[in-house]
PDB file of all heavy atoms in Angstrom:
ATOM      1  N   THR A   1       0.871  -1.179   0.000  1.00  0.00           N
ATOM      2  CA  THR A   1       0.000   0.000   0.000  1.00  0.00           C
ATOM      3  C   THR A   1       0.906   1.225   0.000  1.00  0.00           C
ATOM      4  O   THR A   1       1.359   1.674   1.059  1.00  0.00           O
ATOM      5  CB  THR A   1      -0.912   0.012   1.236  1.00  0.00           C
ATOM      6  OG1 THR A   1      -1.605  -1.241   1.336  1.00  0.00           O
ATOM      7  CG2 THR A   1      -1.928   1.135   1.146  1.00  0.00           C
ATOM      8  N   PRO A   2       1.229   1.772  -1.170  1.00  0.00           N
ATOM      9  CA  PRO A   2       2.232   2.837  -1.269  1.00  0.00           C
ATOM     10  C   PRO A   2       1.967   4.051  -0.379  1.00  0.00           C
ATOM     11  O   PRO A   2       2.918   4.661   0.124  1.00  0.00           O
ATOM     12  CB  PRO A   2       2.186   3.213  -2.752  1.00  0.00           C
ATOM     13  CG  PRO A   2       1.748   1.965  -3.448  1.00  0.00           C
ATOM     14  CD  PRO A   2       0.752   1.339  -2.504  1.00  0.00           C
ATOM     15  N   GLU A   3       0.689   4.389  -0.156  1.00  0.00           N
ATOM     16  CA  GLU A   3       0.390   5.562   0.670  1.00  0.00           C
ATOM     17  C   GLU A   3       0.992   5.439   2.068  1.00  0.00           C
ATOM     18  O   GLU A   3       1.321   6.439   2.713  1.00  0.00           O
ATOM     19  CB  GLU A   3      -1.121   5.751   0.807  1.00  0.00           C
ATOM     20  CG  GLU A   3      -1.921   5.714  -0.470  1.00  0.00           C
ATOM     21  CD  GLU A   3      -2.294   4.297  -0.890  1.00  0.00           C
ATOM     22  OE1 GLU A   3      -3.234   3.712  -0.304  1.00  0.00           O
ATOM     23  OE2 GLU A   3      -1.642   3.785  -1.813  1.00  0.00           O
ATOM     24  N   LYS A   4       1.131   4.208   2.555  1.00  0.00           N
ATOM     25  CA  LYS A   4       1.625   3.996   3.913  1.00  0.00           C
ATOM     26  C   LYS A   4       3.134   4.231   4.033  1.00  0.00           C
ATOM     27  O   LYS A   4       3.664   4.247   5.143  1.00  0.00           O
ATOM     28  CB  LYS A   4       1.273   2.586   4.386  1.00  0.00           C
ATOM     29  CG  LYS A   4      -0.223   2.350   4.557  1.00  0.00           C
ATOM     30  CD  LYS A   4      -0.514   0.962   5.092  1.00  0.00           C
ATOM     31  CE  LYS A   4      -2.009   0.751   5.312  1.00  0.00           C
ATOM     32  NZ  LYS A   4      -2.319  -0.609   5.829  1.00  0.00           N
ATOM     33  N   ALA A   5       3.811   4.407   2.895  1.00  0.00           N
ATOM     34  CA  ALA A   5       5.249   4.643   2.926  1.00  0.00           C
ATOM     35  C   ALA A   5       5.621   6.074   2.547  1.00  0.00           C
ATOM     36  O   ALA A   5       6.800   6.426   2.531  1.00  0.00           O
ATOM     37  CB  ALA A   5       5.959   3.654   1.999  1.00  0.00           C
ATOM     38  N   GLN A   6       4.636   6.899   2.256  1.00  0.00           N
ATOM     39  CA  GLN A   6       4.921   8.261   1.804  1.00  0.00           C
ATOM     40  C   GLN A   6       5.667   9.089   2.851  1.00  0.00           C
ATOM     41  O   GLN A   6       6.449   9.983   2.514  1.00  0.00           O
ATOM     42  CB  GLN A   6       3.617   8.957   1.411  1.00  0.00           C
ATOM     43  CG  GLN A   6       2.897   8.352   0.217  1.00  0.00           C
ATOM     44  CD  GLN A   6       3.684   8.500  -1.088  1.00  0.00           C
ATOM     45  OE1 GLN A   6       4.564   9.347  -1.193  1.00  0.00           O
ATOM     46  NE2 GLN A   6       3.354   7.674  -2.081  1.00  0.00           N
ATOM     47  N   HIS A   7       5.439   8.786   4.128  1.00  0.00           N
ATOM     48  CA  HIS A   7       6.051   9.573   5.195  1.00  0.00           C
ATOM     49  C   HIS A   7       7.561   9.385   5.282  1.00  0.00           C
ATOM     50  O   HIS A   7       8.245  10.153   5.969  1.00  0.00           O
ATOM     51  CB  HIS A   7       5.436   9.178   6.539  1.00  0.00           C
ATOM     52  CG  HIS A   7       5.791   7.782   6.978  1.00  0.00           C
ATOM     53  ND1 HIS A   7       5.205   6.658   6.426  1.00  0.00           N
ATOM     54  CD2 HIS A   7       6.696   7.330   7.894  1.00  0.00           C
ATOM     55  CE1 HIS A   7       5.714   5.578   6.984  1.00  0.00           C
ATOM     56  NE2 HIS A   7       6.621   5.954   7.877  1.00  0.00           N
ATOM     57  N   LEU A   8       8.111   8.401   4.568  1.00  0.00           N
ATOM     58  CA  LEU A   8       9.535   8.112   4.657  1.00  0.00           C
ATOM     59  C   LEU A   8      10.389   9.135   3.915  1.00  0.00           C
ATOM     60  O   LEU A   8      11.598   9.206   4.127  1.00  0.00           O
ATOM     61  CB  LEU A   8       9.817   6.703   4.125  1.00  0.00           C
ATOM     62  CG  LEU A   8       9.206   5.557   4.943  1.00  0.00           C
ATOM     63  CD1 LEU A   8       9.387   4.230   4.221  1.00  0.00           C
ATOM     64  CD2 LEU A   8       9.841   5.497   6.336  1.00  0.00           C
ATOM     65  N   GLY A   9       9.780   9.903   3.023  1.00  0.00           N
ATOM     66  CA  GLY A   9      10.504  10.952   2.329  1.00  0.00           C
ATOM     67  C   GLY A   9      11.415  10.468   1.226  1.00  0.00           C
ATOM     68  O   GLY A   9      12.404  11.141   0.893  1.00  0.00           O
ATOM     69  N   VAL A  10      11.101   9.313   0.647  1.00  0.00           N
ATOM     70  CA  VAL A  10      11.872   8.777  -0.474  1.00  0.00           C
ATOM     71  C   VAL A  10      10.906   8.413  -1.599  1.00  0.00           C
ATOM     72  O   VAL A  10       9.673   8.459  -1.426  1.00  0.00           O
ATOM     73  CB  VAL A  10      12.680   7.529  -0.056  1.00  0.00           C
ATOM     74  CG1 VAL A  10      13.675   7.870   1.032  1.00  0.00           C
ATOM     75  CG2 VAL A  10      11.757   6.387   0.396  1.00  0.00           C
ATOM     76  N   GLU A  11      11.449   8.036  -2.753  1.00  0.00           N
ATOM     77  CA  GLU A  11      10.584   7.573  -3.837  1.00  0.00           C
ATOM     78  C   GLU A  11       9.849   6.312  -3.402  1.00  0.00           C
ATOM     79  O   GLU A  11      10.435   5.411  -2.795  1.00  0.00           O
ATOM     80  CB  GLU A  11      11.416   7.271  -5.087  1.00  0.00           C
ATOM     81  CG  GLU A  11      10.567   6.775  -6.260  1.00  0.00           C
ATOM     82  CD  GLU A  11      11.372   6.378  -7.480  1.00  0.00           C
ATOM     83  OE1 GLU A  11      12.616   6.600  -7.490  1.00  0.00           O
ATOM     84  OE2 GLU A  11      10.773   5.828  -8.422  1.00  0.00           O
ATOM     85  N   VAL A  12       8.557   6.242  -3.702  1.00  0.00           N
ATOM     86  CA  VAL A  12       7.743   5.095  -3.314  1.00  0.00           C
ATOM     87  C   VAL A  12       7.172   4.435  -4.560  1.00  0.00           C
ATOM     88  O   VAL A  12       6.659   5.109  -5.458  1.00  0.00           O
ATOM     89  CB  VAL A  12       6.591   5.515  -2.368  1.00  0.00           C
ATOM     90  CG1 VAL A  12       5.741   4.299  -1.994  1.00  0.00           C
ATOM     91  CG2 VAL A  12       7.143   6.179  -1.114  1.00  0.00           C
ATOM     92  N   ARG A  13       7.276   3.111  -4.611  1.00  0.00           N
ATOM     93  CA  ARG A  13       6.705   2.328  -5.700  1.00  0.00           C
ATOM     94  C   ARG A  13       5.892   1.181  -5.111  1.00  0.00           C
ATOM     95  O   ARG A  13       6.172   0.716  -3.996  1.00  0.00           O
ATOM     96  CB  ARG A  13       7.817   1.755  -6.603  1.00  0.00           C
ATOM     97  CG  ARG A  13       8.708   2.792  -7.265  1.00  0.00           C
ATOM     98  CD  ARG A  13       9.792   2.128  -8.114  1.00  0.00           C
ATOM     99  NE  ARG A  13      10.737   3.097  -8.669  1.00  0.00           N
ATOM    100  CZ  ARG A  13      11.802   2.779  -9.396  1.00  0.00           C
ATOM    101  NH1 ARG A  13      12.065   1.490  -9.666  1.00  0.00           N
ATOM    102  NH2 ARG A  13      12.613   3.712  -9.848  1.00  0.00           N
ATOM    103  N   PRO A  14       4.874   0.697  -5.849  1.00  0.00           N
ATOM    104  CA  PRO A  14       4.087  -0.436  -5.341  1.00  0.00           C
ATOM    105  C   PRO A  14       4.926  -1.714  -5.302  1.00  0.00           C
ATOM    106  O   PRO A  14       5.773  -1.930  -6.163  1.00  0.00           O
ATOM    107  CB  PRO A  14       2.938  -0.554  -6.344  1.00  0.00           C
ATOM    108  CG  PRO A  14       3.449   0.096  -7.589  1.00  0.00           C
ATOM    109  CD  PRO A  14       4.372   1.182  -7.149  1.00  0.00           C
ATOM    110  N   GLY A  15       4.679  -2.543  -4.289  1.00  0.00           N
ATOM    111  CA  GLY A  15       5.472  -3.761  -4.158  1.00  0.00           C
ATOM    112  C   GLY A  15       4.726  -4.877  -3.462  1.00  0.00           C
ATOM    113  O   GLY A  15       5.015  -5.238  -2.317  1.00  0.00           O
ATOM    114  N   ASP A  16       3.731  -5.436  -4.161  1.00  0.00           N
ATOM    115  CA  ASP A  16       2.931  -6.544  -3.624  1.00  0.00           C
ATOM    116  C   ASP A  16       3.615  -7.862  -3.962  1.00  0.00           C
ATOM    117  O   ASP A  16       3.814  -8.181  -5.132  1.00  0.00           O
ATOM    118  CB  ASP A  16       1.528  -6.500  -4.224  1.00  0.00           C
ATOM    119  CG  ASP A  16       0.568  -7.489  -3.586  1.00  0.00           C
ATOM    120  OD1 ASP A  16       1.022  -8.535  -3.077  1.00  0.00           O
ATOM    121  OD2 ASP A  16      -0.654  -7.236  -3.610  1.00  0.00           O
ATOM    122  N   TYR A  17       3.983  -8.636  -2.948  1.00  0.00           N
ATOM    123  CA  TYR A  17       4.678  -9.907  -3.169  1.00  0.00           C
ATOM    124  C   TYR A  17       3.871 -10.890  -4.021  1.00  0.00           C
ATOM    125  O   TYR A  17       4.442 -11.835  -4.576  1.00  0.00           O
ATOM    126  CB  TYR A  17       4.999 -10.574  -1.833  1.00  0.00           C
ATOM    127  CG  TYR A  17       6.064  -9.896  -0.995  1.00  0.00           C
ATOM    128  CD1 TYR A  17       6.671  -8.709  -1.389  1.00  0.00           C
ATOM    129  CD2 TYR A  17       6.474 -10.461   0.212  1.00  0.00           C
ATOM    130  CE1 TYR A  17       7.647  -8.103  -0.620  1.00  0.00           C
ATOM    131  CE2 TYR A  17       7.455  -9.859   0.999  1.00  0.00           C
ATOM    132  CZ  TYR A  17       8.033  -8.685   0.578  1.00  0.00           C
ATOM    133  OH  TYR A  17       9.007  -8.090   1.358  1.00  0.00           O
ATOM    134  N   ASN A  18       2.569 -10.682  -4.105  1.00  0.00           N
ATOM    135  CA  ASN A  18       1.713 -11.582  -4.877  1.00  0.00           C
ATOM    136  C   ASN A  18       1.511 -11.136  -6.320  1.00  0.00           C
ATOM    137  O   ASN A  18       0.755 -11.782  -7.051  1.00  0.00           O
ATOM    138  CB  ASN A  18       0.342 -11.704  -4.198  1.00  0.00           C
ATOM    139  CG  ASN A  18       0.411 -12.434  -2.873  1.00  0.00           C
ATOM    140  OD1 ASN A  18       0.893 -13.554  -2.785  1.00  0.00           O
ATOM    141  ND2 ASN A  18      -0.064 -11.782  -1.813  1.00  0.00           N
ATOM    142  N   ASP A  19       2.184 -10.066  -6.730  1.00  0.00           N
ATOM    143  CA  ASP A  19       1.972  -9.494  -8.064  1.00  0.00           C
ATOM    144  C   ASP A  19       3.297  -9.415  -8.822  1.00  0.00           C
ATOM    145  O   ASP A  19       3.979  -8.390  -8.808  1.00  0.00           O
ATOM    146  CB  ASP A  19       1.354  -8.100  -7.924  1.00  0.00           C
ATOM    147  CG  ASP A  19       0.838  -7.550  -9.247  1.00  0.00           C
ATOM    148  OD1 ASP A  19       1.350  -7.966 -10.305  1.00  0.00           O
ATOM    149  OD2 ASP A  19      -0.066  -6.690  -9.215  1.00  0.00           O
ATOM    150  N   PRO A  20       3.689 -10.505  -9.509  1.00  0.00           N
ATOM    151  CA  PRO A  20       4.984 -10.531 -10.204  1.00  0.00           C
ATOM    152  C   PRO A  20       5.156  -9.424 -11.239  1.00  0.00           C
ATOM    153  O   PRO A  20       6.251  -8.843 -11.353  1.00  0.00           O
ATOM    154  CB  PRO A  20       5.000 -11.912 -10.874  1.00  0.00           C
ATOM    155  CG  PRO A  20       4.080 -12.743 -10.042  1.00  0.00           C
ATOM    156  CD  PRO A  20       2.998 -11.809  -9.593  1.00  0.00           C
ATOM    157  N   ALA A  21       4.107  -9.120 -11.994  1.00  0.00           N
ATOM    158  CA  ALA A  21       4.212  -8.090 -13.027  1.00  0.00           C
ATOM    159  C   ALA A  21       4.473  -6.723 -12.396  1.00  0.00           C
ATOM    160  O   ALA A  21       5.294  -5.930 -12.888  1.00  0.00           O
ATOM    161  CB  ALA A  21       2.949  -8.052 -13.875  1.00  0.00           C
ATOM    162  N   GLN A  22       3.780  -6.439 -11.318  1.00  0.00           N
ATOM    163  CA  GLN A  22       3.985  -5.177 -10.615  1.00  0.00           C
ATOM    164  C   GLN A  22       5.399  -5.103 -10.046  1.00  0.00           C
ATOM    165  O   GLN A  22       6.067  -4.065 -10.133  1.00  0.00           O
ATOM    166  CB  GLN A  22       2.966  -5.041  -9.483  1.00  0.00           C
ATOM    167  CG  GLN A  22       3.074  -3.759  -8.673  1.00  0.00           C
ATOM    168  CD  GLN A  22       2.248  -3.828  -7.407  1.00  0.00           C
ATOM    169  OE1 GLN A  22       2.705  -4.340  -6.390  1.00  0.00           O
ATOM    170  NE2 GLN A  22       1.011  -3.325  -7.480  1.00  0.00           N
ATOM    171  N   LEU A  23       5.870  -6.195  -9.479  1.00  0.00           N
ATOM    172  CA  LEU A  23       7.217  -6.230  -8.912  1.00  0.00           C
ATOM    173  C   LEU A  23       8.262  -5.971  -9.985  1.00  0.00           C
ATOM    174  O   LEU A  23       9.219  -5.212  -9.766  1.00  0.00           O
ATOM    175  CB  LEU A  23       7.477  -7.579  -8.241  1.00  0.00           C
ATOM    176  CG  LEU A  23       6.712  -7.852  -6.939  1.00  0.00           C
ATOM    177  CD1 LEU A  23       6.800  -9.334  -6.582  1.00  0.00           C
ATOM    178  CD2 LEU A  23       7.267  -6.994  -5.804  1.00  0.00           C
ATOM    179  N   LEU A  24       8.088  -6.586 -11.147  1.00  0.00           N
ATOM    180  CA  LEU A  24       9.042  -6.395 -12.240  1.00  0.00           C
ATOM    181  C   LEU A  24       9.116  -4.927 -12.641  1.00  0.00           C
ATOM    182  O   LEU A  24      10.205  -4.373 -12.826  1.00  0.00           O
ATOM    183  CB  LEU A  24       8.637  -7.258 -13.437  1.00  0.00           C
ATOM    184  CG  LEU A  24       9.511  -7.131 -14.685  1.00  0.00           C
ATOM    185  CD1 LEU A  24      10.958  -7.490 -14.376  1.00  0.00           C
ATOM    186  CD2 LEU A  24       8.961  -8.009 -15.800  1.00  0.00           C
ATOM    187  N   GLN A  25       7.972  -4.284 -12.754  1.00  0.00           N
ATOM    188  CA  GLN A  25       7.943  -2.868 -13.125  1.00  0.00           C
ATOM    189  C   GLN A  25       8.583  -1.998 -12.032  1.00  0.00           C
ATOM    190  O   GLN A  25       9.348  -1.073 -12.323  1.00  0.00           O
ATOM    191  CB  GLN A  25       6.505  -2.424 -13.381  1.00  0.00           C
ATOM    192  CG  GLN A  25       6.382  -0.976 -13.835  1.00  0.00           C
ATOM    193  CD  GLN A  25       4.941  -0.617 -14.206  1.00  0.00           C
ATOM    194  OE1 GLN A  25       4.036  -1.427 -14.070  1.00  0.00           O
ATOM    195  NE2 GLN A  25       4.742   0.594 -14.674  1.00  0.00           N
ATOM    196  N   SER A  26       8.274  -2.311 -10.782  1.00  0.00           N
ATOM    197  CA  SER A  26       8.770  -1.481  -9.682  1.00  0.00           C
ATOM    198  C   SER A  26      10.267  -1.651  -9.443  1.00  0.00           C
ATOM    199  O   SER A  26      10.910  -0.766  -8.865  1.00  0.00           O
ATOM    200  CB  SER A  26       8.004  -1.805  -8.391  1.00  0.00           C
ATOM    201  OG  SER A  26       6.663  -1.353  -8.479  1.00  0.00           O
TER     202      SER A  26
END
């Protein structure tokens, strides 16, 4: 859930372990 990492102050990308296509892109 990328919104939950926005407070870290770095670039945020989606990273669902169950989504290989998304992981490859990210």
